[in-house]
Amino acid sequence: RMVEHLPLLSDVGEALAGYLREARASASRRVFVRLLAPRV
């Protein structure tokens, strides 16, 4: 149950932003979801 903060490196941030903006369509709060339904 350790909660820690790590720096969001530029290339990692760009990859995450690109995925969230272009390739992710889900109501789930999880960042990474299934590609097929149910998109959890």
Full PDB file with SEQRES, HELIX, SHEET, SSBOND, CRYST1, ORIGX, SCALE, CONECT and MASTER records, all heavy atoms in Angstrom:
SEQRES   1 A   40  ARG MET VAL GLU HIS LEU PRO LEU LEU SER ASP VAL GLY          
SEQRES   2 A   40  GLU ALA LEU ALA GLY TYR LEU ARG GLU ALA ARG ALA SER          
SEQRES   3 A   40  ALA SER ARG ARG VAL PHE VAL ARG LEU LEU ALA PRO ARG          
SEQRES   4 A   40  VAL                                                          
HELIX    1 AA1 SER A   10  GLY A   18  1                                   9    
HELIX    2 AA2 TYR A   19  ALA A   23  3                                   5    
CRYST1    1.000    1.000    1.000  90.00  90.00  90.00 P 1           1          
ORIGX1      1.000000  0.000000  0.000000        0.00000                         
ORIGX2      0.000000  1.000000  0.000000        0.00000                         
ORIGX3      0.000000  0.000000  1.000000        0.00000                         
SCALE1      1.000000  0.000000  0.000000        0.00000                         
SCALE2      0.000000  1.000000  0.000000        0.00000                         
SCALE3      0.000000  0.000000  1.000000        0.00000                         
ATOM      1  N   ARG A   1       0.812  -1.222   0.000  1.00  0.00           N  
ATOM      2  CA  ARG A   1       0.000   0.000   0.000  1.00  0.00           C  
ATOM      3  C   ARG A   1       0.845   1.272   0.000  1.00  0.00           C  
ATOM      4  O   ARG A   1       0.396   2.330   0.449  1.00  0.00           O  
ATOM      5  CB  ARG A   1      -0.951   0.006   1.212  1.00  0.00           C  
ATOM      6  CG  ARG A   1      -1.967  -1.118   1.182  1.00  0.00           C  
ATOM      7  CD  ARG A   1      -2.921  -1.026   2.353  1.00  0.00           C  
ATOM      8  NE  ARG A   1      -3.900  -2.107   2.335  1.00  0.00           N  
ATOM      9  CZ  ARG A   1      -4.828  -2.283   3.260  1.00  0.00           C  
ATOM     10  NH1 ARG A   1      -4.908  -1.450   4.282  1.00  0.00           N  
ATOM     11  NH2 ARG A   1      -5.679  -3.285   3.183  1.00  0.00           N  
ATOM     12  N   MET A   2       2.063   1.165  -0.496  1.00  0.00           N  
ATOM     13  CA  MET A   2       2.919   2.343  -0.597  1.00  0.00           C  
ATOM     14  C   MET A   2       2.460   3.195  -1.782  1.00  0.00           C  
ATOM     15  O   MET A   2       2.192   2.682  -2.866  1.00  0.00           O  
ATOM     16  CB  MET A   2       4.377   1.930  -0.790  1.00  0.00           C  
ATOM     17  CG  MET A   2       4.964   1.155   0.381  1.00  0.00           C  
ATOM     18  SD  MET A   2       5.147   2.179   1.856  1.00  0.00           S  
ATOM     19  CE  MET A   2       6.456   3.265   1.338  1.00  0.00           C  
ATOM     20  N   VAL A   3       2.355   4.498  -1.564  1.00  0.00           N  
ATOM     21  CA  VAL A   3       1.969   5.438  -2.615  1.00  0.00           C  
ATOM     22  C   VAL A   3       3.128   6.411  -2.808  1.00  0.00           C  
ATOM     23  O   VAL A   3       3.523   7.110  -1.872  1.00  0.00           O  
ATOM     24  CB  VAL A   3       0.680   6.205  -2.253  1.00  0.00           C  
ATOM     25  CG1 VAL A   3       0.322   7.181  -3.348  1.00  0.00           C  
ATOM     26  CG2 VAL A   3      -0.464   5.228  -2.011  1.00  0.00           C  
ATOM     27  N   GLU A   4       3.681   6.435  -4.036  1.00  0.00           N  
ATOM     28  CA  GLU A   4       4.845   7.270  -4.298  1.00  0.00           C  
ATOM     29  C   GLU A   4       4.654   8.049  -5.593  1.00  0.00           C  
ATOM     30  O   GLU A   4       3.901   7.628  -6.477  1.00  0.00           O  
ATOM     31  CB  GLU A   4       6.100   6.402  -4.371  1.00  0.00           C  
ATOM     32  CG  GLU A   4       6.427   5.758  -3.028  1.00  0.00           C  
ATOM     33  CD  GLU A   4       7.418   4.616  -3.159  1.00  0.00           C  
ATOM     34  OE1 GLU A   4       7.029   3.557  -3.662  1.00  0.00           O  
ATOM     35  OE2 GLU A   4       8.572   4.798  -2.750  1.00  0.00           O  
ATOM     36  N   HIS A   5       5.370   9.168  -5.702  1.00  0.00           N  
ATOM     37  CA  HIS A   5       5.285  10.033  -6.871  1.00  0.00           C  
ATOM     38  C   HIS A   5       6.586   9.903  -7.669  1.00  0.00           C  
ATOM     39  O   HIS A   5       7.678  10.030  -7.115  1.00  0.00           O  
ATOM     40  CB  HIS A   5       5.081  11.488  -6.460  1.00  0.00           C  
ATOM     41  CG  HIS A   5       3.732  11.746  -5.869  1.00  0.00           C  
ATOM     42  ND1 HIS A   5       2.866  12.701  -6.362  1.00  0.00           N  
ATOM     43  CD2 HIS A   5       3.076  11.168  -4.825  1.00  0.00           C  
ATOM     44  CE1 HIS A   5       1.751  12.704  -5.648  1.00  0.00           C  
ATOM     45  NE2 HIS A   5       1.866  11.782  -4.700  1.00  0.00           N  
ATOM     46  N   LEU A   6       6.454   9.642  -8.966  1.00  0.00           N  
ATOM     47  CA  LEU A   6       7.607   9.558  -9.852  1.00  0.00           C  
ATOM     48  C   LEU A   6       7.484  10.628 -10.928  1.00  0.00           C  
ATOM     49  O   LEU A   6       6.372  11.019 -11.305  1.00  0.00           O  
ATOM     50  CB  LEU A   6       7.689   8.177 -10.512  1.00  0.00           C  
ATOM     51  CG  LEU A   6       7.947   6.969  -9.601  1.00  0.00           C  
ATOM     52  CD1 LEU A   6       7.981   5.693 -10.430  1.00  0.00           C  
ATOM     53  CD2 LEU A   6       9.240   7.136  -8.829  1.00  0.00           C  
ATOM     54  N   PRO A   7       8.622  11.104 -11.446  1.00  0.00           N  
ATOM     55  CA  PRO A   7       8.555  12.118 -12.506  1.00  0.00           C  
ATOM     56  C   PRO A   7       7.971  11.531 -13.787  1.00  0.00           C  
ATOM     57  O   PRO A   7       8.316  10.410 -14.186  1.00  0.00           O  
ATOM     58  CB  PRO A   7      10.015  12.527 -12.693  1.00  0.00           C  
ATOM     59  CG  PRO A   7      10.811  11.370 -12.185  1.00  0.00           C  
ATOM     60  CD  PRO A   7      10.006  10.769 -11.070  1.00  0.00           C  
ATOM     61  N   LEU A   8       7.106  12.269 -14.433  1.00  0.00           N  
ATOM     62  CA  LEU A   8       6.507  11.845 -15.688  1.00  0.00           C  
ATOM     63  C   LEU A   8       7.426  12.316 -16.815  1.00  0.00           C  
ATOM     64  O   LEU A   8       7.337  13.459 -17.278  1.00  0.00           O  
ATOM     65  CB  LEU A   8       5.105  12.431 -15.843  1.00  0.00           C  
ATOM     66  CG  LEU A   8       4.249  11.925 -16.997  1.00  0.00           C  
ATOM     67  CD1 LEU A   8       4.090  10.416 -16.949  1.00  0.00           C  
ATOM     68  CD2 LEU A   8       2.883  12.590 -16.965  1.00  0.00           C  
ATOM     69  N   LEU A   9       8.352  11.454 -17.228  1.00  0.00           N  
ATOM     70  CA  LEU A   9       9.335  11.812 -18.244  1.00  0.00           C  
ATOM     71  C   LEU A   9       8.644  12.222 -19.544  1.00  0.00           C  
ATOM     72  O   LEU A   9       7.533  11.770 -19.841  1.00  0.00           O  
ATOM     73  CB  LEU A   9      10.284  10.637 -18.481  1.00  0.00           C  
ATOM     74  CG  LEU A   9      11.012  10.106 -17.234  1.00  0.00           C  
ATOM     75  CD1 LEU A   9      11.898   8.934 -17.597  1.00  0.00           C  
ATOM     76  CD2 LEU A   9      11.815  11.206 -16.571  1.00  0.00           C  
ATOM     77  N   SER A  10       9.328  13.052 -20.317  1.00  0.00           N  
ATOM     78  CA  SER A  10       8.695  13.638 -21.503  1.00  0.00           C  
ATOM     79  C   SER A  10       8.235  12.585 -22.497  1.00  0.00           C  
ATOM     80  O   SER A  10       7.100  12.652 -22.995  1.00  0.00           O  
ATOM     81  CB  SER A  10       9.663  14.610 -22.175  1.00  0.00           C  
ATOM     82  OG  SER A  10      10.861  13.943 -22.552  1.00  0.00           O  
ATOM     83  N   ASP A  11       9.105  11.584 -22.806  1.00  0.00           N  
ATOM     84  CA  ASP A  11       8.685  10.577 -23.796  1.00  0.00           C  
ATOM     85  C   ASP A  11       7.573   9.688 -23.266  1.00  0.00           C  
ATOM     86  O   ASP A  11       6.674   9.286 -24.001  1.00  0.00           O  
ATOM     87  CB  ASP A  11       9.876   9.744 -24.259  1.00  0.00           C  
ATOM     88  CG  ASP A  11      10.609   9.070 -23.114  1.00  0.00           C  
ATOM     89  OD1 ASP A  11      10.366   9.441 -21.947  1.00  0.00           O  
ATOM     90  OD2 ASP A  11      11.439   8.169 -23.376  1.00  0.00           O  
ATOM     91  N   VAL A  12       7.603   9.414 -21.947  1.00  0.00           N  
ATOM     92  CA  VAL A  12       6.530   8.622 -21.341  1.00  0.00           C  
ATOM     93  C   VAL A  12       5.223   9.409 -21.371  1.00  0.00           C  
ATOM     94  O   VAL A  12       4.163   8.867 -21.713  1.00  0.00           O  
ATOM     95  CB  VAL A  12       6.893   8.232 -19.888  1.00  0.00           C  
ATOM     96  CG1 VAL A  12       5.749   7.456 -19.251  1.00  0.00           C  
ATOM     97  CG2 VAL A  12       8.169   7.399 -19.862  1.00  0.00           C  
ATOM     98  N   GLY A  13       5.306  10.691 -21.021  1.00  0.00           N  
ATOM     99  CA  GLY A  13       4.107  11.530 -21.034  1.00  0.00           C  
ATOM    100  C   GLY A  13       3.505  11.663 -22.422  1.00  0.00           C  
ATOM    101  O   GLY A  13       2.280  11.619 -22.588  1.00  0.00           O  
ATOM    102  N   GLU A  14       4.362  11.826 -23.436  1.00  0.00           N  
ATOM    103  CA  GLU A  14       3.871  11.929 -24.812  1.00  0.00           C  
ATOM    104  C   GLU A  14       3.168  10.646 -25.241  1.00  0.00           C  
ATOM    105  O   GLU A  14       2.117  10.688 -25.901  1.00  0.00           O  
ATOM    106  CB  GLU A  14       5.029  12.241 -25.745  1.00  0.00           C  
ATOM    107  CG  GLU A  14       5.574  13.651 -25.601  1.00  0.00           C  
ATOM    108  CD  GLU A  14       6.797  13.882 -26.470  1.00  0.00           C  
ATOM    109  OE1 GLU A  14       7.141  12.953 -27.244  1.00  0.00           O  
ATOM    110  OE2 GLU A  14       7.410  14.960 -26.375  1.00  0.00           O  
ATOM    111  N   ALA A  15       3.749   9.500 -24.870  1.00  0.00           N  
ATOM    112  CA  ALA A  15       3.140   8.213 -25.239  1.00  0.00           C  
ATOM    113  C   ALA A  15       1.797   8.029 -24.543  1.00  0.00           C  
ATOM    114  O   ALA A  15       0.822   7.568 -25.155  1.00  0.00           O  
ATOM    115  CB  ALA A  15       4.085   7.067 -24.893  1.00  0.00           C  
ATOM    116  N   LEU A  16       1.717   8.393 -23.268  1.00  0.00           N  
ATOM    117  CA  LEU A  16       0.463   8.279 -22.525  1.00  0.00           C  
ATOM    118  C   LEU A  16      -0.595   9.222 -23.096  1.00  0.00           C  
ATOM    119  O   LEU A  16      -1.758   8.830 -23.279  1.00  0.00           O  
ATOM    120  CB  LEU A  16       0.695   8.582 -21.050  1.00  0.00           C  
ATOM    121  CG  LEU A  16       1.374   7.493 -20.221  1.00  0.00           C  
ATOM    122  CD1 LEU A  16       1.780   8.042 -18.857  1.00  0.00           C  
ATOM    123  CD2 LEU A  16       0.466   6.292 -20.053  1.00  0.00           C  
ATOM    124  N   ALA A  17      -0.195  10.451 -23.386  1.00  0.00           N  
ATOM    125  CA  ALA A  17      -1.151  11.424 -23.929  1.00  0.00           C  
ATOM    126  C   ALA A  17      -1.664  10.976 -25.296  1.00  0.00           C  
ATOM    127  O   ALA A  17      -2.866  11.094 -25.592  1.00  0.00           O  
ATOM    128  CB  ALA A  17      -0.489  12.796 -24.038  1.00  0.00           C  
ATOM    129  N   GLY A  18      -0.774  10.437 -26.127  1.00  0.00           N  
ATOM    130  CA  GLY A  18      -1.193   9.955 -27.438  1.00  0.00           C  
ATOM    131  C   GLY A  18      -2.171   8.801 -27.332  1.00  0.00           C  
ATOM    132  O   GLY A  18      -3.163   8.741 -28.073  1.00  0.00           O  
ATOM    133  N   TYR A  19      -1.906   7.900 -26.386  1.00  0.00           N  
ATOM    134  CA  TYR A  19      -2.821   6.762 -26.199  1.00  0.00           C  
ATOM    135  C   TYR A  19      -4.179   7.228 -25.691  1.00  0.00           C  
ATOM    136  O   TYR A  19      -5.231   6.813 -26.210  1.00  0.00           O  
ATOM    137  CB  TYR A  19      -2.186   5.772 -25.218  1.00  0.00           C  
ATOM    138  CG  TYR A  19      -3.163   4.802 -24.598  1.00  0.00           C  
ATOM    139  CD1 TYR A  19      -3.843   3.863 -25.378  1.00  0.00           C  
ATOM    140  CD2 TYR A  19      -3.415   4.824 -23.230  1.00  0.00           C  
ATOM    141  CE1 TYR A  19      -4.745   2.978 -24.812  1.00  0.00           C  
ATOM    142  CE2 TYR A  19      -4.309   3.938 -22.654  1.00  0.00           C  
ATOM    143  CZ  TYR A  19      -4.973   3.022 -23.447  1.00  0.00           C  
ATOM    144  OH  TYR A  19      -5.869   2.151 -22.880  1.00  0.00           O  
ATOM    145  N   LEU A  20      -4.189   8.094 -24.693  1.00  0.00           N  
ATOM    146  CA  LEU A  20      -5.456   8.555 -24.116  1.00  0.00           C  
ATOM    147  C   LEU A  20      -6.269   9.368 -25.122  1.00  0.00           C  
ATOM    148  O   LEU A  20      -7.498   9.300 -25.150  1.00  0.00           O  
ATOM    149  CB  LEU A  20      -5.175   9.395 -22.871  1.00  0.00           C  
ATOM    150  CG  LEU A  20      -4.545   8.665 -21.682  1.00  0.00           C  
ATOM    151  CD1 LEU A  20      -4.211   9.654 -20.575  1.00  0.00           C  
ATOM    152  CD2 LEU A  20      -5.460   7.580 -21.160  1.00  0.00           C  
ATOM    153  N   ARG A  21      -5.573  10.130 -25.964  1.00  0.00           N  
ATOM    154  CA  ARG A  21      -6.266  11.013 -26.897  1.00  0.00           C  
ATOM    155  C   ARG A  21      -6.744  10.271 -28.148  1.00  0.00           C  
ATOM    156  O   ARG A  21      -7.843  10.529 -28.651  1.00  0.00           O  
ATOM    157  CB  ARG A  21      -5.332  12.155 -27.292  1.00  0.00           C  
ATOM    158  CG  ARG A  21      -5.975  13.231 -28.146  1.00  0.00           C  
ATOM    159  CD  ARG A  21      -5.047  14.409 -28.362  1.00  0.00           C  
ATOM    160  NE  ARG A  21      -3.764  13.999 -28.922  1.00  0.00           N  
ATOM    161  CZ  ARG A  21      -2.611  14.066 -28.275  1.00  0.00           C  
ATOM    162  NH1 ARG A  21      -2.565  14.531 -27.043  1.00  0.00           N  
ATOM    163  NH2 ARG A  21      -1.483  13.674 -28.844  1.00  0.00           N  
ATOM    164  N   GLU A  22      -5.953   9.336 -28.646  1.00  0.00           N  
ATOM    165  CA  GLU A  22      -6.227   8.736 -29.950  1.00  0.00           C  
ATOM    166  C   GLU A  22      -6.764   7.311 -29.901  1.00  0.00           C  
ATOM    167  O   GLU A  22      -7.476   6.885 -30.809  1.00  0.00           O  
ATOM    168  CB  GLU A  22      -4.942   8.747 -30.806  1.00  0.00           C  
ATOM    169  CG  GLU A  22      -4.282  10.105 -30.958  1.00  0.00           C  
ATOM    170  CD  GLU A  22      -5.117  11.079 -31.755  1.00  0.00           C  
ATOM    171  OE1 GLU A  22      -6.019  10.612 -32.493  1.00  0.00           O  
ATOM    172  OE2 GLU A  22      -4.883  12.300 -31.653  1.00  0.00           O  
ATOM    173  N   ALA A  23      -6.417   6.555 -28.871  1.00  0.00           N  
ATOM    174  CA  ALA A  23      -6.669   5.112 -28.947  1.00  0.00           C  
ATOM    175  C   ALA A  23      -7.520   4.557 -27.821  1.00  0.00           C  
ATOM    176  O   ALA A  23      -7.841   3.369 -27.829  1.00  0.00           O  
ATOM    177  CB  ALA A  23      -5.324   4.358 -28.970  1.00  0.00           C  
ATOM    178  N   ARG A  24      -7.907   5.384 -26.849  1.00  0.00           N  
ATOM    179  CA  ARG A  24      -8.644   4.865 -25.694  1.00  0.00           C  
ATOM    180  C   ARG A  24     -10.071   5.371 -25.723  1.00  0.00           C  
ATOM    181  O   ARG A  24     -10.307   6.572 -25.794  1.00  0.00           O  
ATOM    182  CB  ARG A  24      -7.952   5.295 -24.403  1.00  0.00           C  
ATOM    183  CG  ARG A  24      -8.578   4.720 -23.130  1.00  0.00           C  
ATOM    184  CD  ARG A  24      -7.895   5.324 -21.916  1.00  0.00           C  
ATOM    185  NE  ARG A  24      -8.434   4.795 -20.675  1.00  0.00           N  
ATOM    186  CZ  ARG A  24      -9.541   5.226 -20.095  1.00  0.00           C  
ATOM    187  NH1 ARG A  24     -10.235   6.207 -20.656  1.00  0.00           N  
ATOM    188  NH2 ARG A  24      -9.958   4.694 -18.961  1.00  0.00           N  
ATOM    189  N   ALA A  25     -11.029   4.445 -25.639  1.00  0.00           N  
ATOM    190  CA  ALA A  25     -12.453   4.805 -25.582  1.00  0.00           C  
ATOM    191  C   ALA A  25     -13.122   3.928 -24.542  1.00  0.00           C  
ATOM    192  O   ALA A  25     -13.489   2.785 -24.808  1.00  0.00           O  
ATOM    193  CB  ALA A  25     -13.109   4.621 -26.944  1.00  0.00           C  
ATOM    194  N   SER A  26     -13.241   4.439 -23.326  1.00  0.00           N  
ATOM    195  CA  SER A  26     -13.801   3.643 -22.237  1.00  0.00           C  
ATOM    196  C   SER A  26     -14.231   4.565 -21.106  1.00  0.00           C  
ATOM    197  O   SER A  26     -13.643   5.633 -20.886  1.00  0.00           O  
ATOM    198  CB  SER A  26     -12.769   2.628 -21.723  1.00  0.00           C  
ATOM    199  OG  SER A  26     -13.229   1.978 -20.567  1.00  0.00           O  
ATOM    200  N   ALA A  27     -15.258   4.140 -20.367  1.00  0.00           N  
ATOM    201  CA  ALA A  27     -15.706   4.884 -19.190  1.00  0.00           C  
ATOM    202  C   ALA A  27     -14.948   4.466 -17.943  1.00  0.00           C  
ATOM    203  O   ALA A  27     -15.131   5.044 -16.872  1.00  0.00           O  
ATOM    204  CB  ALA A  27     -17.205   4.659 -18.980  1.00  0.00           C  
ATOM    205  N   SER A  28     -14.078   3.455 -18.076  1.00  0.00           N  
ATOM    206  CA  SER A  28     -13.304   2.972 -16.939  1.00  0.00           C  
ATOM    207  C   SER A  28     -12.320   4.036 -16.469  1.00  0.00           C  
ATOM    208  O   SER A  28     -11.804   4.833 -17.257  1.00  0.00           O  
ATOM    209  CB  SER A  28     -12.547   1.694 -17.329  1.00  0.00           C  
ATOM    210  OG  SER A  28     -11.643   1.300 -16.304  1.00  0.00           O  
ATOM    211  N   ARG A  29     -12.026   4.050 -15.162  1.00  0.00           N  
ATOM    212  CA  ARG A  29     -11.038   4.965 -14.620  1.00  0.00           C  
ATOM    213  C   ARG A  29      -9.627   4.422 -14.768  1.00  0.00           C  
ATOM    214  O   ARG A  29      -8.654   5.147 -14.542  1.00  0.00           O  
ATOM    215  CB  ARG A  29     -11.328   5.237 -13.132  1.00  0.00           C  
ATOM    216  CG  ARG A  29     -12.626   5.964 -12.866  1.00  0.00           C  
ATOM    217  CD  ARG A  29     -12.636   7.333 -13.494  1.00  0.00           C  
ATOM    218  NE  ARG A  29     -11.589   8.199 -12.937  1.00  0.00           N  
ATOM    219  CZ  ARG A  29     -11.284   9.399 -13.424  1.00  0.00           C  
ATOM    220  NH1 ARG A  29     -11.907   9.853 -14.498  1.00  0.00           N  
ATOM    221  NH2 ARG A  29     -10.345  10.139 -12.864  1.00  0.00           N  
ATOM    222  N   ARG A  30      -9.498   3.158 -15.122  1.00  0.00           N  
ATOM    223  CA  ARG A  30      -8.174   2.587 -15.356  1.00  0.00           C  
ATOM    224  C   ARG A  30      -7.545   3.225 -16.589  1.00  0.00           C  
ATOM    225  O   ARG A  30      -8.230   3.480 -17.578  1.00  0.00           O  
ATOM    226  CB  ARG A  30      -8.273   1.086 -15.546  1.00  0.00           C  
ATOM    227  CG  ARG A  30      -8.642   0.305 -14.289  1.00  0.00           C  
ATOM    228  CD  ARG A  30      -7.475   0.247 -13.328  1.00  0.00           C  
ATOM    229  NE  ARG A  30      -7.814  -0.512 -12.141  1.00  0.00           N  
ATOM    230  CZ  ARG A  30      -7.664  -1.831 -12.045  1.00  0.00           C  
ATOM    231  NH1 ARG A  30      -7.229  -2.525 -13.090  1.00  0.00           N  
ATOM    232  NH2 ARG A  30      -7.972  -2.452 -10.924  1.00  0.00           N  
ATOM    233  N   VAL A  31      -6.243   3.440 -16.547  1.00  0.00           N  
ATOM    234  CA  VAL A  31      -5.559   4.031 -17.696  1.00  0.00           C  
ATOM    235  C   VAL A  31      -5.539   3.059 -18.861  1.00  0.00           C  
ATOM    236  O   VAL A  31      -5.902   3.404 -19.994  1.00  0.00           O  
ATOM    237  CB  VAL A  31      -4.121   4.449 -17.315  1.00  0.00           C  
ATOM    238  CG1 VAL A  31      -3.348   4.884 -18.559  1.00  0.00           C  
ATOM    239  CG2 VAL A  31      -4.137   5.575 -16.285  1.00  0.00           C  
ATOM    240  N   PHE A  32      -5.120   1.829 -18.609  1.00  0.00           N  
ATOM    241  CA  PHE A  32      -4.987   0.852 -19.681  1.00  0.00           C  
ATOM    242  C   PHE A  32      -6.173  -0.113 -19.649  1.00  0.00           C  
ATOM    243  O   PHE A  32      -6.429  -0.773 -18.631  1.00  0.00           O  
ATOM    244  CB  PHE A  32      -3.667   0.090 -19.545  1.00  0.00           C  
ATOM    245  CG  PHE A  32      -2.471   0.994 -19.683  1.00  0.00           C  
ATOM    246  CD1 PHE A  32      -1.724   1.344 -18.568  1.00  0.00           C  
ATOM    247  CD2 PHE A  32      -2.119   1.519 -20.910  1.00  0.00           C  
ATOM    248  CE1 PHE A  32      -0.629   2.191 -18.687  1.00  0.00           C  
ATOM    249  CE2 PHE A  32      -1.034   2.372 -21.043  1.00  0.00           C  
ATOM    250  CZ  PHE A  32      -0.290   2.710 -19.922  1.00  0.00           C  
ATOM    251  N   VAL A  33      -6.875  -0.167 -20.773  1.00  0.00           N  
ATOM    252  CA  VAL A  33      -8.098  -0.963 -20.851  1.00  0.00           C  
ATOM    253  C   VAL A  33      -7.999  -1.960 -22.001  1.00  0.00           C  
ATOM    254  O   VAL A  33      -7.114  -1.870 -22.865  1.00  0.00           O  
ATOM    255  CB  VAL A  33      -9.343  -0.062 -21.050  1.00  0.00           C  
ATOM    256  CG1 VAL A  33      -9.519   0.875 -19.877  1.00  0.00           C  
ATOM    257  CG2 VAL A  33      -9.225   0.744 -22.348  1.00  0.00           C  
ATOM    258  N   ARG A  34      -8.929  -2.902 -22.001  1.00  0.00           N  
ATOM    259  CA  ARG A  34      -9.015  -3.882 -23.068  1.00  0.00           C  
ATOM    260  C   ARG A  34      -9.355  -3.219 -24.394  1.00  0.00           C  
ATOM    261  O   ARG A  34     -10.016  -2.187 -24.430  1.00  0.00           O  
ATOM    262  CB  ARG A  34     -10.094  -4.923 -22.736  1.00  0.00           C  
ATOM    263  CG  ARG A  34      -9.747  -5.878 -21.616  1.00  0.00           C  
ATOM    264  CD  ARG A  34     -10.992  -6.577 -21.101  1.00  0.00           C  
ATOM    265  NE  ARG A  34     -11.867  -7.000 -22.184  1.00  0.00           N  
ATOM    266  CZ  ARG A  34     -11.900  -8.232 -22.698  1.00  0.00           C  
ATOM    267  NH1 ARG A  34     -11.100  -9.156 -22.231  1.00  0.00           N  
ATOM    268  NH2 ARG A  34     -12.748  -8.533 -23.658  1.00  0.00           N  
ATOM    269  N   LEU A  35      -8.914  -3.848 -25.472  1.00  0.00           N  
ATOM    270  CA  LEU A  35      -9.226  -3.330 -26.803  1.00  0.00           C  
ATOM    271  C   LEU A  35     -10.600  -3.773 -27.272  1.00  0.00           C  
ATOM    272  O   LEU A  35     -11.222  -3.116 -28.098  1.00  0.00           O  
ATOM    273  CB  LEU A  35      -8.161  -3.796 -27.801  1.00  0.00           C  
ATOM    274  CG  LEU A  35      -6.743  -3.278 -27.530  1.00  0.00           C  
ATOM    275  CD1 LEU A  35      -5.758  -3.944 -28.473  1.00  0.00           C  
ATOM    276  CD2 LEU A  35      -6.671  -1.773 -27.666  1.00  0.00           C  
ATOM    277  N   LEU A  36     -11.072  -4.920 -26.752  1.00  0.00           N  
ATOM    278  CA  LEU A  36     -12.382  -5.440 -27.115  1.00  0.00           C  
ATOM    279  C   LEU A  36     -13.326  -5.306 -25.933  1.00  0.00           C  
ATOM    280  O   LEU A  36     -12.906  -5.272 -24.777  1.00  0.00           O  
ATOM    281  CB  LEU A  36     -12.269  -6.911 -27.532  1.00  0.00           C  
ATOM    282  CG  LEU A  36     -11.345  -7.206 -28.723  1.00  0.00           C  
ATOM    283  CD1 LEU A  36     -11.261  -8.710 -28.966  1.00  0.00           C  
ATOM    284  CD2 LEU A  36     -11.818  -6.489 -29.975  1.00  0.00           C  
ATOM    285  N   ALA A  37     -14.620  -5.233 -26.234  1.00  0.00           N  
ATOM    286  CA  ALA A  37     -15.626  -5.122 -25.165  1.00  0.00           C  
ATOM    287  C   ALA A  37     -15.625  -6.387 -24.315  1.00  0.00           C  
ATOM    288  O   ALA A  37     -15.401  -7.491 -24.829  1.00  0.00           O  
ATOM    289  CB  ALA A  37     -16.997  -4.898 -25.785  1.00  0.00           C  
ATOM    290  N   PRO A  38     -15.857  -6.232 -23.014  1.00  0.00           N  
ATOM    291  CA  PRO A  38     -16.055  -4.966 -22.312  1.00  0.00           C  
ATOM    292  C   PRO A  38     -14.748  -4.202 -22.135  1.00  0.00           C  
ATOM    293  O   PRO A  38     -13.745  -4.786 -21.739  1.00  0.00           O  
ATOM    294  CB  PRO A  38     -16.627  -5.398 -20.957  1.00  0.00           C  
ATOM    295  CG  PRO A  38     -16.060  -6.769 -20.736  1.00  0.00           C  
ATOM    296  CD  PRO A  38     -15.975  -7.387 -22.097  1.00  0.00           C  
ATOM    297  N   ARG A  39     -14.763  -2.920 -22.428  1.00  0.00           N  
ATOM    298  CA  ARG A  39     -13.549  -2.101 -22.362  1.00  0.00           C  
ATOM    299  C   ARG A  39     -13.285  -1.687 -20.910  1.00  0.00           C  
ATOM    300  O   ARG A  39     -13.485  -0.530 -20.531  1.00  0.00           O  
ATOM    301  CB  ARG A  39     -13.680  -0.896 -23.276  1.00  0.00           C  
ATOM    302  CG  ARG A  39     -13.755  -1.261 -24.759  1.00  0.00           C  
ATOM    303  CD  ARG A  39     -13.875  -0.022 -25.618  1.00  0.00           C  
ATOM    304  NE  ARG A  39     -14.030  -0.349 -27.019  1.00  0.00           N  
ATOM    305  CZ  ARG A  39     -13.042  -0.538 -27.877  1.00  0.00           C  
ATOM    306  NH1 ARG A  39     -11.797  -0.420 -27.449  1.00  0.00           N  
ATOM    307  NH2 ARG A  39     -13.268  -0.820 -29.148  1.00  0.00           N  
ATOM    308  N   VAL A  40     -12.867  -2.657 -20.158  1.00  0.00           N  
ATOM    309  CA  VAL A  40     -12.558  -2.432 -18.750  1.00  0.00           C  
ATOM    310  C   VAL A  40     -11.039  -2.529 -18.575  1.00  0.00           C  
ATOM    311  O   VAL A  40     -10.303  -2.837 -19.512  1.00  0.00           O  
ATOM    312  CB  VAL A  40     -13.270  -3.470 -17.863  1.00  0.00           C  
ATOM    313  CG1 VAL A  40     -14.770  -3.288 -17.937  1.00  0.00           C  
ATOM    314  CG2 VAL A  40     -12.888  -4.896 -18.271  1.00  0.00           C  
TER     315      VAL A  40                                                      
MASTER        0    0    0    2    0    0    0    6  314    1    0    4          
END                                                                             
